Amino acid sequence: MAYIDKKKVQPAADGQQAGKMAMTRKGIMLLLAGLVVMVSGYILMTGGGSDDPQVFNYAMFDFRRLVAAPTVIIAGIVVEIVAIMKIFK
């Protein structure tokens, strides 16, 4: 096992403190909000099946499942990207 001399450890560059978390509380809350938005999009996509497999159900191809749900999921992904990339002060 290698020995690390604590006297030779350099402080973090650019004025950042060593040992500080990269994600702030606001960033974590935004990550959770993006997760909730994505899960709600998947919930919007459920349903539309038929009880009888011999009967075709057109409810599978409505606006909610083909347009609204994927749009909500993509919005959640955008929120996740913003939460990861944005620097909160």
N, C-alpha and C. Protein backbone atom coordinates (compact mmCIF):
# COMPACT_ATOMS: atom_id res chain seq x y z
N MET A 1 0.84 -1.17 0.00
CA MET A 1 0.00 0.00 0.00
C MET A 1 0.89 1.23 0.00
N ALA A 2 0.58 2.19 -0.84
CA ALA A 2 1.40 3.39 -0.99
C ALA A 2 1.13 4.36 0.15
N TYR A 3 2.18 5.02 0.56
CA TYR A 3 2.08 6.01 1.61
C TYR A 3 1.88 7.38 0.99
N ILE A 4 0.89 8.14 1.45
CA ILE A 4 0.63 9.48 0.95
C ILE A 4 1.02 10.48 2.02
N ASP A 5 1.95 11.33 1.68
CA ASP A 5 2.39 12.36 2.62
C ASP A 5 1.38 13.50 2.59
N LYS A 6 0.74 13.78 3.72
CA LYS A 6 -0.30 14.80 3.77
C LYS A 6 0.26 16.19 3.55
N LYS A 7 1.53 16.39 3.77
CA LYS A 7 2.14 17.71 3.57
C LYS A 7 2.28 18.04 2.08
N LYS A 8 2.38 17.01 1.23
CA LYS A 8 2.62 17.23 -0.20
C LYS A 8 1.33 17.29 -1.01
N VAL A 9 0.19 17.06 -0.40
CA VAL A 9 -1.08 17.09 -1.12
C VAL A 9 -1.40 18.54 -1.47
N GLN A 10 -1.65 18.78 -2.75
CA GLN A 10 -1.91 20.13 -3.24
C GLN A 10 -3.38 20.49 -3.06
N PRO A 11 -3.68 21.74 -2.72
CA PRO A 11 -5.09 22.16 -2.63
C PRO A 11 -5.72 22.20 -4.02
N ALA A 12 -7.03 22.14 -4.06
CA ALA A 12 -7.77 22.17 -5.33
C ALA A 12 -7.54 23.49 -6.04
N ALA A 13 -7.49 23.44 -7.36
CA ALA A 13 -7.25 24.63 -8.18
C ALA A 13 -8.53 25.43 -8.36
N ASP A 14 -8.42 26.61 -8.88
CA ASP A 14 -9.54 27.49 -9.22
C ASP A 14 -10.37 27.90 -8.01
N GLY A 15 -9.79 27.95 -6.85
CA GLY A 15 -10.49 28.44 -5.68
C GLY A 15 -11.50 27.48 -5.09
N GLN A 16 -11.57 26.25 -5.58
CA GLN A 16 -12.50 25.28 -5.02
C GLN A 16 -11.88 24.64 -3.79
N GLN A 17 -12.70 24.36 -2.83
CA GLN A 17 -12.21 23.72 -1.61
C GLN A 17 -12.18 22.22 -1.81
N ALA A 18 -11.12 21.60 -1.29
CA ALA A 18 -11.01 20.16 -1.38
C ALA A 18 -12.05 19.51 -0.46
N GLY A 19 -12.63 18.42 -0.88
CA GLY A 19 -13.60 17.71 -0.08
C GLY A 19 -15.01 18.24 -0.17
N LYS A 20 -15.24 19.23 -1.00
CA LYS A 20 -16.57 19.81 -1.14
C LYS A 20 -17.35 19.00 -2.18
N MET A 21 -18.65 18.79 -1.94
CA MET A 21 -19.47 18.02 -2.88
C MET A 21 -19.64 18.78 -4.19
N ALA A 22 -19.67 18.04 -5.28
CA ALA A 22 -19.85 18.66 -6.60
C ALA A 22 -21.30 19.09 -6.81
N MET A 23 -22.25 18.38 -6.21
CA MET A 23 -23.67 18.70 -6.37
C MET A 23 -24.15 19.44 -5.13
N THR A 24 -24.85 20.53 -5.36
CA THR A 24 -25.43 21.27 -4.25
C THR A 24 -26.82 20.73 -3.95
N ARG A 25 -27.42 21.24 -2.89
CA ARG A 25 -28.77 20.80 -2.52
C ARG A 25 -29.76 21.16 -3.62
N LYS A 26 -29.59 22.33 -4.22
CA LYS A 26 -30.49 22.75 -5.29
C LYS A 26 -30.34 21.83 -6.52
N GLY A 27 -29.13 21.41 -6.81
CA GLY A 27 -28.91 20.50 -7.93
C GLY A 27 -29.52 19.14 -7.70
N ILE A 28 -29.42 18.65 -6.47
CA ILE A 28 -30.01 17.35 -6.15
C ILE A 28 -31.53 17.42 -6.22
N MET A 29 -32.09 18.52 -5.74
CA MET A 29 -33.55 18.69 -5.82
C MET A 29 -34.01 18.75 -7.28
N LEU A 30 -33.22 19.40 -8.13
CA LEU A 30 -33.55 19.45 -9.56
C LEU A 30 -33.43 18.07 -10.20
N LEU A 31 -32.46 17.27 -9.76
CA LEU A 31 -32.35 15.90 -10.25
C LEU A 31 -33.59 15.09 -9.88
N LEU A 32 -34.04 15.23 -8.64
CA LEU A 32 -35.24 14.51 -8.22
C LEU A 32 -36.48 14.99 -8.97
N ALA A 33 -36.55 16.29 -9.24
CA ALA A 33 -37.68 16.81 -10.00
C ALA A 33 -37.68 16.25 -11.42
N GLY A 34 -36.52 16.15 -12.04
CA GLY A 34 -36.42 15.55 -13.37
C GLY A 34 -36.82 14.09 -13.37
N LEU A 35 -36.47 13.38 -12.31
CA LEU A 35 -36.87 11.98 -12.18
C LEU A 35 -38.38 11.85 -12.06
N VAL A 36 -39.00 12.74 -11.29
CA VAL A 36 -40.46 12.71 -11.14
C VAL A 36 -41.14 13.01 -12.48
N VAL A 37 -40.60 13.96 -13.23
CA VAL A 37 -41.17 14.29 -14.55
C VAL A 37 -41.06 13.10 -15.49
N MET A 38 -39.91 12.42 -15.48
CA MET A 38 -39.74 11.26 -16.36
C MET A 38 -40.68 10.12 -15.97
N VAL A 39 -40.82 9.86 -14.67
CA VAL A 39 -41.72 8.79 -14.23
C VAL A 39 -43.16 9.12 -14.60
N SER A 40 -43.54 10.39 -14.48
CA SER A 40 -44.91 10.76 -14.88
C SER A 40 -45.12 10.56 -16.39
N GLY A 41 -44.09 10.76 -17.18
CA GLY A 41 -44.19 10.49 -18.62
C GLY A 41 -44.41 9.01 -18.90
N TYR A 42 -43.71 8.16 -18.15
CA TYR A 42 -43.91 6.72 -18.32
C TYR A 42 -45.29 6.29 -17.85
N ILE A 43 -45.78 6.93 -16.82
CA ILE A 43 -47.14 6.62 -16.36
C ILE A 43 -48.17 7.03 -17.41
N LEU A 44 -47.94 8.18 -18.07
CA LEU A 44 -48.84 8.60 -19.14
C LEU A 44 -48.86 7.60 -20.30
N MET A 45 -47.77 6.87 -20.48
CA MET A 45 -47.66 5.96 -21.60
C MET A 45 -48.36 4.62 -21.34
N THR A 46 -48.74 4.34 -20.11
CA THR A 46 -49.34 3.04 -19.80
C THR A 46 -50.79 2.96 -20.26
N GLY A 47 -51.30 1.75 -20.30
CA GLY A 47 -52.71 1.53 -20.62
C GLY A 47 -52.95 1.37 -22.11
N GLY A 48 -54.20 1.35 -22.49
CA GLY A 48 -54.57 1.26 -23.90
C GLY A 48 -54.65 -0.14 -24.43
N GLY A 49 -54.42 -1.12 -23.59
CA GLY A 49 -54.50 -2.50 -24.04
C GLY A 49 -55.93 -2.99 -24.11
N SER A 50 -56.08 -4.18 -24.60
CA SER A 50 -57.41 -4.78 -24.72
C SER A 50 -57.45 -6.03 -23.84
N ASP A 51 -58.61 -6.28 -23.27
CA ASP A 51 -58.78 -7.49 -22.47
C ASP A 51 -58.80 -8.74 -23.34
N ASP A 52 -59.34 -8.61 -24.54
CA ASP A 52 -59.42 -9.72 -25.48
C ASP A 52 -58.36 -9.52 -26.56
N PRO A 53 -57.41 -10.44 -26.71
CA PRO A 53 -56.36 -10.25 -27.71
C PRO A 53 -56.86 -10.31 -29.15
N GLN A 54 -58.08 -10.78 -29.38
CA GLN A 54 -58.63 -10.87 -30.73
C GLN A 54 -59.26 -9.55 -31.17
N VAL A 55 -59.44 -8.61 -30.22
CA VAL A 55 -60.09 -7.33 -30.53
C VAL A 55 -59.03 -6.24 -30.56
N PHE A 56 -58.99 -5.50 -31.68
CA PHE A 56 -58.04 -4.40 -31.80
C PHE A 56 -58.58 -3.17 -31.09
N ASN A 57 -57.73 -2.49 -30.33
CA ASN A 57 -58.13 -1.32 -29.56
C ASN A 57 -57.38 -0.09 -30.08
N TYR A 58 -58.10 0.89 -30.62
CA TYR A 58 -57.46 2.10 -31.15
C TYR A 58 -56.99 3.05 -30.05
N ALA A 59 -57.36 2.78 -28.81
CA ALA A 59 -56.92 3.64 -27.70
C ALA A 59 -55.41 3.57 -27.51
N MET A 60 -54.78 2.56 -28.09
CA MET A 60 -53.34 2.43 -27.99
C MET A 60 -52.63 3.55 -28.78
N PHE A 61 -53.27 4.11 -29.76
CA PHE A 61 -52.66 5.09 -30.64
C PHE A 61 -53.26 6.48 -30.45
N ASP A 62 -53.54 6.88 -29.24
CA ASP A 62 -54.10 8.21 -29.03
C ASP A 62 -52.98 9.23 -28.78
N PHE A 63 -53.36 10.49 -28.68
CA PHE A 63 -52.42 11.60 -28.53
C PHE A 63 -51.58 11.47 -27.26
N ARG A 64 -52.19 11.00 -26.20
CA ARG A 64 -51.49 10.93 -24.91
C ARG A 64 -50.29 9.99 -24.99
N ARG A 65 -50.44 8.86 -25.65
CA ARG A 65 -49.37 7.87 -25.71
C ARG A 65 -48.35 8.16 -26.80
N LEU A 66 -48.77 8.76 -27.89
CA LEU A 66 -47.85 8.98 -29.00
C LEU A 66 -47.13 10.32 -28.96
N VAL A 67 -47.72 11.34 -28.34
CA VAL A 67 -47.12 12.66 -28.36
C VAL A 67 -46.83 13.18 -26.95
N ALA A 68 -47.82 13.16 -26.09
CA ALA A 68 -47.67 13.79 -24.77
C ALA A 68 -46.65 13.06 -23.90
N ALA A 69 -46.73 11.74 -23.81
CA ALA A 69 -45.83 10.99 -22.94
C ALA A 69 -44.36 11.11 -23.38
N PRO A 70 -44.03 10.93 -24.66
CA PRO A 70 -42.63 11.11 -25.04
C PRO A 70 -42.14 12.54 -24.84
N THR A 71 -43.00 13.52 -25.03
CA THR A 71 -42.61 14.91 -24.80
C THR A 71 -42.30 15.15 -23.32
N VAL A 72 -43.10 14.59 -22.44
CA VAL A 72 -42.86 14.74 -21.00
C VAL A 72 -41.57 14.02 -20.60
N ILE A 73 -41.30 12.87 -21.17
CA ILE A 73 -40.07 12.14 -20.86
C ILE A 73 -38.85 12.92 -21.34
N ILE A 74 -38.90 13.48 -22.53
CA ILE A 74 -37.78 14.28 -23.04
C ILE A 74 -37.59 15.53 -22.19
N ALA A 75 -38.68 16.14 -21.72
CA ALA A 75 -38.56 17.29 -20.83
C ALA A 75 -37.87 16.89 -19.53
N GLY A 76 -38.17 15.71 -19.01
CA GLY A 76 -37.50 15.23 -17.81
C GLY A 76 -36.02 15.00 -18.03
N ILE A 77 -35.65 14.50 -19.20
CA ILE A 77 -34.24 14.30 -19.53
C ILE A 77 -33.52 15.65 -19.62
N VAL A 78 -34.19 16.64 -20.19
CA VAL A 78 -33.59 17.99 -20.27
C VAL A 78 -33.39 18.55 -18.87
N VAL A 79 -34.34 18.35 -17.97
CA VAL A 79 -34.20 18.82 -16.59
C VAL A 79 -33.02 18.12 -15.92
N GLU A 80 -32.84 16.83 -16.17
CA GLU A 80 -31.71 16.09 -15.62
C GLU A 80 -30.38 16.65 -16.13
N ILE A 81 -30.31 16.94 -17.42
CA ILE A 81 -29.07 17.49 -17.99
C ILE A 81 -28.76 18.85 -17.39
N VAL A 82 -29.77 19.68 -17.25
CA VAL A 82 -29.57 21.00 -16.64
C VAL A 82 -29.11 20.86 -15.20
N ALA A 83 -29.69 19.93 -14.46
CA ALA A 83 -29.32 19.74 -13.06
C ALA A 83 -27.87 19.28 -12.93
N ILE A 84 -27.38 18.49 -13.88
CA ILE A 84 -26.02 18.01 -13.82
C ILE A 84 -25.04 19.08 -14.29
N MET A 85 -25.37 19.79 -15.35
CA MET A 85 -24.42 20.72 -15.97
C MET A 85 -24.37 22.10 -15.34
N LYS A 86 -25.46 22.57 -14.76
CA LYS A 86 -25.52 23.93 -14.22
C LYS A 86 -24.72 24.01 -12.92
N ILE A 87 -24.00 25.10 -12.78
CA ILE A 87 -23.23 25.35 -11.56
C ILE A 87 -24.05 26.28 -10.69
N PHE A 88 -24.52 25.75 -9.57
CA PHE A 88 -25.29 26.55 -8.61
C PHE A 88 -24.34 27.15 -7.59
N LYS A 89 -24.58 28.42 -7.25
CA LYS A 89 -23.70 29.07 -6.28
C LYS A 89 -24.39 29.28 -4.97
